[in-house]
Amino acid sequence: MSRIGKQKEGTGLKRVNINIEISLHNAFKAATAAKGTDMTTVLMGFIENYVAKHGNITPQKKGRRG
């Protein structure tokens, strides 16, 4: 379990689970380890950059017939 998984409730963290191919997971884990970092750190950086670029956009709610 990652260090995020061990956090107690009320810490302000939200867990995100994604499904990816095993080979991609293994390659990503190896690549991050080779750079001396971990997958969580790299993904957090990606998400922060994505939000900074695209903004915090609230999706439009669709009507009942939308």
C-alpha atoms as a PDB file:
ATOM      1  CA  MET A   1       0.000   0.000   0.000  1.00  0.00           C
ATOM      2  CA  SER A   2       1.349   3.451  -0.848  1.00  0.00           C
ATOM      3  CA  ARG A   3       1.924   6.110   1.751  1.00  0.00           C
ATOM      4  CA  ILE A   4      -1.299   7.808   0.624  1.00  0.00           C
ATOM      5  CA  GLY A   5      -3.239   4.630   1.345  1.00  0.00           C
ATOM      6  CA  LYS A   6      -1.996   4.737   4.921  1.00  0.00           C
ATOM      7  CA  GLN A   7      -3.263   8.273   5.548  1.00  0.00           C
ATOM      8  CA  LYS A   8      -6.075   8.738   8.039  1.00  0.00           C
ATOM      9  CA  GLU A   9      -9.371  10.346   7.154  1.00  0.00           C
ATOM     10  CA  GLY A  10      -9.426  14.120   7.322  1.00  0.00           C
ATOM     11  CA  THR A  11      -5.935  14.598   5.851  1.00  0.00           C
ATOM     12  CA  GLY A  12      -7.221  16.394   2.749  1.00  0.00           C
ATOM     13  CA  LEU A  13      -6.125  13.629   0.387  1.00  0.00           C
ATOM     14  CA  LYS A  14      -8.267  11.804  -2.166  1.00  0.00           C
ATOM     15  CA  ARG A  15      -7.284   8.428  -3.594  1.00  0.00           C
ATOM     16  CA  VAL A  16      -7.483   7.995  -7.379  1.00  0.00           C
ATOM     17  CA  ASN A  17      -7.519   4.529  -8.936  1.00  0.00           C
ATOM     18  CA  ILE A  18      -6.941   3.939 -12.641  1.00  0.00           C
ATOM     19  CA  ASN A  19      -6.831   0.813 -14.773  1.00  0.00           C
ATOM     20  CA  ILE A  20      -3.809   0.497 -17.054  1.00  0.00           C
ATOM     21  CA  GLU A  21      -2.123  -2.350 -18.881  1.00  0.00           C
ATOM     22  CA  ILE A  22       0.291  -4.309 -16.695  1.00  0.00           C
ATOM     23  CA  SER A  23       3.172  -3.695 -19.104  1.00  0.00           C
ATOM     24  CA  LEU A  24       2.580   0.072 -19.011  1.00  0.00           C
ATOM     25  CA  HIS A  25       2.412   0.033 -15.207  1.00  0.00           C
ATOM     26  CA  ASN A  26       5.670  -1.911 -14.990  1.00  0.00           C
ATOM     27  CA  ALA A  27       7.408   0.367 -17.502  1.00  0.00           C
ATOM     28  CA  PHE A  28       6.197   3.508 -15.706  1.00  0.00           C
ATOM     29  CA  LYS A  29       7.290   2.173 -12.315  1.00  0.00           C
ATOM     30  CA  ALA A  30      10.734   1.265 -13.687  1.00  0.00           C
ATOM     31  CA  ALA A  31      11.121   4.637 -15.426  1.00  0.00           C
ATOM     32  CA  THR A  32      10.252   6.613 -12.305  1.00  0.00           C
ATOM     33  CA  ALA A  33      12.525   4.479 -10.136  1.00  0.00           C
ATOM     34  CA  ALA A  34      15.375   4.975 -12.611  1.00  0.00           C
ATOM     35  CA  LYS A  35      14.929   8.739 -12.168  1.00  0.00           C
ATOM     36  CA  GLY A  36      14.952   8.364  -8.366  1.00  0.00           C
ATOM     37  CA  THR A  37      11.297   9.275  -7.908  1.00  0.00           C
ATOM     38  CA  ASP A  38       8.001   7.414  -7.634  1.00  0.00           C
ATOM     39  CA  MET A  39       4.824   7.101  -9.667  1.00  0.00           C
ATOM     40  CA  THR A  40       2.731   9.219  -7.270  1.00  0.00           C
ATOM     41  CA  THR A  41       5.133  12.165  -7.469  1.00  0.00           C
ATOM     42  CA  VAL A  42       5.190  12.072 -11.275  1.00  0.00           C
ATOM     43  CA  LEU A  43       1.406  11.741 -11.563  1.00  0.00           C
ATOM     44  CA  MET A  44       0.845  14.583  -9.069  1.00  0.00           C
ATOM     45  CA  GLY A  45       3.118  16.789 -11.182  1.00  0.00           C
ATOM     46  CA  PHE A  46       1.228  15.855 -14.337  1.00  0.00           C
ATOM     47  CA  ILE A  47      -2.149  16.578 -12.733  1.00  0.00           C
ATOM     48  CA  GLU A  48      -0.968  19.915 -11.325  1.00  0.00           C
ATOM     49  CA  ASN A  49       0.394  20.970 -14.732  1.00  0.00           C
ATOM     50  CA  TYR A  50      -2.788  19.843 -16.481  1.00  0.00           C
ATOM     51  CA  VAL A  51      -5.015  21.829 -14.121  1.00  0.00           C
ATOM     52  CA  ALA A  52      -2.745  24.883 -14.404  1.00  0.00           C
ATOM     53  CA  LYS A  53      -2.963  24.723 -18.200  1.00  0.00           C
ATOM     54  CA  HIS A  54      -6.641  23.865 -18.578  1.00  0.00           C
ATOM     55  CA  GLY A  55      -8.046  25.540 -15.486  1.00  0.00           C
ATOM     56  CA  ASN A  56     -10.427  24.323 -12.883  1.00  0.00           C
ATOM     57  CA  ILE A  57     -13.435  23.992 -15.169  1.00  0.00           C
ATOM     58  CA  THR A  58     -16.759  22.879 -13.732  1.00  0.00           C
ATOM     59  CA  PRO A  59     -18.610  20.778 -16.306  1.00  0.00           C
ATOM     60  CA  GLN A  60     -21.963  22.039 -17.515  1.00  0.00           C
ATOM     61  CA  LYS A  61     -24.889  20.056 -16.145  1.00  0.00           C
ATOM     62  CA  LYS A  62     -27.028  18.493 -18.814  1.00  0.00           C
ATOM     63  CA  GLY A  63     -30.781  18.725 -18.697  1.00  0.00           C
ATOM     64  CA  ARG A  64     -32.920  15.677 -18.172  1.00  0.00           C
ATOM     65  CA  ARG A  65     -33.193  15.254 -21.925  1.00  0.00           C
ATOM     66  CA  GLY A  66     -29.563  16.249 -22.666  1.00  0.00           C
END
